Amino acid sequence: MTTTTADACRARAVALVRDGAVTFVLVLLSFAAFDDITTGHETDLTLEYGTLLVVAGWLSFVTFRLIRASHRVLGAMSIVVLAGALWGQLEIGPGITPGLWPAYVVTASAFLWFIAVAVVLLVSGWRAHPEWHAQGS
């Protein structure tokens, strides 16, 4: 493998691991914001809703990067899940109790979906890195 090719593989791997790690942390942060919205007693939830908007922006960015990187099925499914989560969030507000009703199930499923996407990104990055992959073989 030439140096240029190895550098490109390394850069791609690092980007995948970075995207996976940031996605994982932000999904956990959005879960905390979501939990605070539904169970907290604050009257001002600007920070929580702002957090959800930032996370939605990041997830949109990652989703379109997946599509551009020829992971069209994963990206397309992520668009659908993100749209469902945005719809679900409109239906969920302060004082809502968890239950098996559509908006809550869709929103909870979105958390699980994007944790899975983060894991896929992390594993893909690990496997794509020349030195990391060689050590794991």
C-alpha atoms as a PDB file:
ATOM      1  CA  MET A   1       0.000   0.000   0.000  1.00  0.00           C
ATOM      2  CA  THR A   2       1.449   3.375  -0.948  1.00  0.00           C
ATOM      3  CA  THR A   3       1.913   6.115   1.613  1.00  0.00           C
ATOM      4  CA  THR A   4      -0.827   8.230   0.018  1.00  0.00           C
ATOM      5  CA  THR A   5      -3.283   5.336   0.074  1.00  0.00           C
ATOM      6  CA  ALA A   6      -2.373   4.474   3.667  1.00  0.00           C
ATOM      7  CA  ASP A   7      -2.800   8.117   4.691  1.00  0.00           C
ATOM      8  CA  ALA A   8      -6.198   8.257   2.988  1.00  0.00           C
ATOM      9  CA  CYS A   9      -7.297   5.035   4.737  1.00  0.00           C
ATOM     10  CA  ARG A  10      -6.039   6.348   8.053  1.00  0.00           C
ATOM     11  CA  ALA A  11      -7.854   9.686   7.594  1.00  0.00           C
ATOM     12  CA  ARG A  12     -11.090   7.899   6.637  1.00  0.00           C
ATOM     13  CA  ALA A  13     -10.811   5.599   9.639  1.00  0.00           C
ATOM     14  CA  VAL A  14     -10.165   8.459  12.039  1.00  0.00           C
ATOM     15  CA  ALA A  15     -13.162  10.370  10.605  1.00  0.00           C
ATOM     16  CA  LEU A  16     -15.416   7.337  11.068  1.00  0.00           C
ATOM     17  CA  VAL A  17     -14.284   6.800  14.657  1.00  0.00           C
ATOM     18  CA  ARG A  18     -14.679  10.518  15.393  1.00  0.00           C
ATOM     19  CA  ASP A  19     -18.178  10.602  13.888  1.00  0.00           C
ATOM     20  CA  GLY A  20     -19.154   7.469  15.795  1.00  0.00           C
ATOM     21  CA  ALA A  21     -17.847   8.792  19.116  1.00  0.00           C
ATOM     22  CA  VAL A  22     -19.479  12.211  18.694  1.00  0.00           C
ATOM     23  CA  THR A  23     -22.747  10.575  17.628  1.00  0.00           C
ATOM     24  CA  PHE A  24     -22.699   8.251  20.644  1.00  0.00           C
ATOM     25  CA  VAL A  25     -22.067  11.111  23.097  1.00  0.00           C
ATOM     26  CA  LEU A  26     -24.657  13.393  21.504  1.00  0.00           C
ATOM     27  CA  VAL A  27     -27.343  10.694  21.485  1.00  0.00           C
ATOM     28  CA  LEU A  28     -26.732  10.150  25.207  1.00  0.00           C
ATOM     29  CA  LEU A  29     -26.901  13.907  25.741  1.00  0.00           C
ATOM     30  CA  SER A  30     -30.166  14.109  23.775  1.00  0.00           C
ATOM     31  CA  PHE A  31     -31.589  11.295  25.885  1.00  0.00           C
ATOM     32  CA  ALA A  32     -30.716  13.289  29.014  1.00  0.00           C
ATOM     33  CA  ALA A  33     -32.394  16.383  27.529  1.00  0.00           C
ATOM     34  CA  PHE A  34     -35.443  14.339  26.533  1.00  0.00           C
ATOM     35  CA  ASP A  35     -35.637  12.848  30.031  1.00  0.00           C
ATOM     36  CA  ASP A  36     -35.362  16.295  31.584  1.00  0.00           C
ATOM     37  CA  ILE A  37     -38.162  17.601  29.355  1.00  0.00           C
ATOM     38  CA  THR A  38     -40.525  14.776  30.275  1.00  0.00           C
ATOM     39  CA  THR A  39     -39.699  14.369  33.965  1.00  0.00           C
ATOM     40  CA  GLY A  40     -38.166  17.675  35.083  1.00  0.00           C
ATOM     41  CA  HIS A  41     -39.944  20.433  36.913  1.00  0.00           C
ATOM     42  CA  GLU A  42     -38.202  23.383  35.253  1.00  0.00           C
ATOM     43  CA  THR A  43     -40.291  26.054  33.601  1.00  0.00           C
ATOM     44  CA  ASP A  44     -37.594  27.056  31.095  1.00  0.00           C
ATOM     45  CA  LEU A  45     -36.553  24.185  28.834  1.00  0.00           C
ATOM     46  CA  THR A  46     -34.645  26.310  26.326  1.00  0.00           C
ATOM     47  CA  LEU A  47     -31.366  24.483  26.971  1.00  0.00           C
ATOM     48  CA  GLU A  48     -32.977  21.055  26.565  1.00  0.00           C
ATOM     49  CA  TYR A  49     -34.765  21.933  23.320  1.00  0.00           C
ATOM     50  CA  GLY A  50     -31.623  23.669  22.060  1.00  0.00           C
ATOM     51  CA  THR A  51     -29.661  20.496  22.789  1.00  0.00           C
ATOM     52  CA  LEU A  52     -32.176  18.453  20.798  1.00  0.00           C
ATOM     53  CA  LEU A  53     -31.852  20.850  17.849  1.00  0.00           C
ATOM     54  CA  VAL A  54     -28.045  20.660  17.895  1.00  0.00           C
ATOM     55  CA  VAL A  55     -28.176  16.867  18.052  1.00  0.00           C
ATOM     56  CA  ALA A  56     -30.709  16.751  15.200  1.00  0.00           C
ATOM     57  CA  GLY A  57     -28.358  18.936  13.150  1.00  0.00           C
ATOM     58  CA  TRP A  58     -25.419  16.633  13.850  1.00  0.00           C
ATOM     59  CA  LEU A  59     -27.451  13.523  13.048  1.00  0.00           C
ATOM     60  CA  SER A  60     -28.532  15.120   9.757  1.00  0.00           C
ATOM     61  CA  PHE A  61     -24.880  15.816   8.958  1.00  0.00           C
ATOM     62  CA  VAL A  62     -23.880  12.214   9.738  1.00  0.00           C
ATOM     63  CA  THR A  63     -26.842  10.867   7.779  1.00  0.00           C
ATOM     64  CA  PHE A  64     -25.895  12.778   4.636  1.00  0.00           C
ATOM     65  CA  ARG A  65     -22.257  11.748   5.035  1.00  0.00           C
ATOM     66  CA  LEU A  66     -23.428   8.122   5.100  1.00  0.00           C
ATOM     67  CA  ILE A  67     -25.366   8.647   1.897  1.00  0.00           C
ATOM     68  CA  ARG A  68     -22.383  10.351   0.211  1.00  0.00           C
ATOM     69  CA  ALA A  69     -20.129   7.491   1.351  1.00  0.00           C
ATOM     70  CA  SER A  70     -22.318   4.962  -0.501  1.00  0.00           C
ATOM     71  CA  HIS A  71     -24.113   3.725   2.610  1.00  0.00           C
ATOM     72  CA  ARG A  72     -27.423   4.699   1.057  1.00  0.00           C
ATOM     73  CA  VAL A  73     -29.642   2.224   2.890  1.00  0.00           C
ATOM     74  CA  LEU A  74     -28.230   3.158   6.301  1.00  0.00           C
ATOM     75  CA  GLY A  75     -28.486   6.850   5.406  1.00  0.00           C
ATOM     76  CA  ALA A  76     -32.030   6.586   4.029  1.00  0.00           C
ATOM     77  CA  MET A  77     -33.207   4.686   7.080  1.00  0.00           C
ATOM     78  CA  SER A  78     -31.557   7.300   9.276  1.00  0.00           C
ATOM     79  CA  ILE A  79     -33.484  10.068   7.482  1.00  0.00           C
ATOM     80  CA  VAL A  80     -36.748   8.245   8.153  1.00  0.00           C
ATOM     81  CA  VAL A  81     -35.833   7.635  11.808  1.00  0.00           C
ATOM     82  CA  LEU A  82     -34.749  11.250  12.310  1.00  0.00           C
ATOM     83  CA  ALA A  83     -37.969  12.529  10.740  1.00  0.00           C
ATOM     84  CA  GLY A  84     -39.946  10.206  13.010  1.00  0.00           C
ATOM     85  CA  ALA A  85     -38.053  11.447  16.066  1.00  0.00           C
ATOM     86  CA  LEU A  86     -38.750  15.062  15.113  1.00  0.00           C
ATOM     87  CA  TRP A  87     -42.444  14.249  14.705  1.00  0.00           C
ATOM     88  CA  GLY A  88     -42.454  12.341  17.997  1.00  0.00           C
ATOM     89  CA  GLN A  89     -40.836  15.222  19.846  1.00  0.00           C
ATOM     90  CA  LEU A  90     -43.686  17.505  18.750  1.00  0.00           C
ATOM     91  CA  GLU A  91     -46.090  15.171  20.536  1.00  0.00           C
ATOM     92  CA  ILE A  92     -44.015  14.793  23.696  1.00  0.00           C
ATOM     93  CA  GLY A  93     -43.666  17.512  26.279  1.00  0.00           C
ATOM     94  CA  PRO A  94     -43.356  18.215  29.976  1.00  0.00           C
ATOM     95  CA  GLY A  95     -45.188  15.819  32.261  1.00  0.00           C
ATOM     96  CA  ILE A  96     -45.704  13.112  29.638  1.00  0.00           C
ATOM     97  CA  THR A  97     -45.445   9.620  31.058  1.00  0.00           C
ATOM     98  CA  PRO A  98     -43.715   6.850  29.126  1.00  0.00           C
ATOM     99  CA  GLY A  99     -45.997   4.441  27.364  1.00  0.00           C
ATOM    100  CA  LEU A 100     -46.574   2.371  24.269  1.00  0.00           C
ATOM    101  CA  TRP A 101     -48.112   5.167  22.248  1.00  0.00           C
ATOM    102  CA  PRO A 102     -46.777   5.981  18.774  1.00  0.00           C
ATOM    103  CA  ALA A 103     -44.839   9.216  19.400  1.00  0.00           C
ATOM    104  CA  TYR A 104     -43.086   7.812  22.444  1.00  0.00           C
ATOM    105  CA  VAL A 105     -42.204   4.494  20.781  1.00  0.00           C
ATOM    106  CA  VAL A 106     -40.892   6.240  17.649  1.00  0.00           C
ATOM    107  CA  THR A 107     -38.772   8.643  19.698  1.00  0.00           C
ATOM    108  CA  ALA A 108     -37.381   5.894  21.926  1.00  0.00           C
ATOM    109  CA  SER A 109     -36.614   3.795  18.842  1.00  0.00           C
ATOM    110  CA  ALA A 110     -34.675   6.715  17.358  1.00  0.00           C
ATOM    111  CA  PHE A 111     -32.343   6.719  20.363  1.00  0.00           C
ATOM    112  CA  LEU A 112     -31.648   3.026  19.843  1.00  0.00           C
ATOM    113  CA  TRP A 113     -31.225   3.446  16.074  1.00  0.00           C
ATOM    114  CA  PHE A 114     -28.642   6.199  16.366  1.00  0.00           C
ATOM    115  CA  ILE A 115     -26.736   4.341  19.093  1.00  0.00           C
ATOM    116  CA  ALA A 116     -26.554   1.466  16.571  1.00  0.00           C
ATOM    117  CA  VAL A 117     -25.378   3.891  13.849  1.00  0.00           C
ATOM    118  CA  ALA A 118     -22.672   5.171  16.224  1.00  0.00           C
ATOM    119  CA  VAL A 119     -21.502   1.601  16.866  1.00  0.00           C
ATOM    120  CA  VAL A 120     -21.435   0.874  13.116  1.00  0.00           C
ATOM    121  CA  LEU A 121     -19.335   4.000  12.555  1.00  0.00           C
ATOM    122  CA  LEU A 122     -16.938   3.077  15.358  1.00  0.00           C
ATOM    123  CA  VAL A 123     -16.511  -0.508  14.148  1.00  0.00           C
ATOM    124  CA  SER A 124     -16.144   0.601  10.514  1.00  0.00           C
ATOM    125  CA  GLY A 125     -13.476   3.088  11.502  1.00  0.00           C
ATOM    126  CA  TRP A 126     -11.648   0.494  13.556  1.00  0.00           C
ATOM    127  CA  ARG A 127     -11.656  -1.947  10.659  1.00  0.00           C
ATOM    128  CA  ALA A 128     -10.646   0.692   8.104  1.00  0.00           C
ATOM    129  CA  HIS A 129      -7.530   1.830   9.951  1.00  0.00           C
ATOM    130  CA  PRO A 130      -4.496  -0.049   8.545  1.00  0.00           C
ATOM    131  CA  GLU A 131      -2.538  -0.363  11.806  1.00  0.00           C
ATOM    132  CA  TRP A 132      -5.556  -0.978  14.053  1.00  0.00           C
ATOM    133  CA  HIS A 133      -6.927  -3.619  11.691  1.00  0.00           C
ATOM    134  CA  ALA A 134      -3.553  -5.359  11.401  1.00  0.00           C
ATOM    135  CA  GLN A 135      -3.296  -5.562  15.196  1.00  0.00           C
ATOM    136  CA  GLY A 136      -6.752  -7.078  15.476  1.00  0.00           C
ATOM    137  CA  SER A 137      -6.085  -9.831  12.909  1.00  0.00           C
END
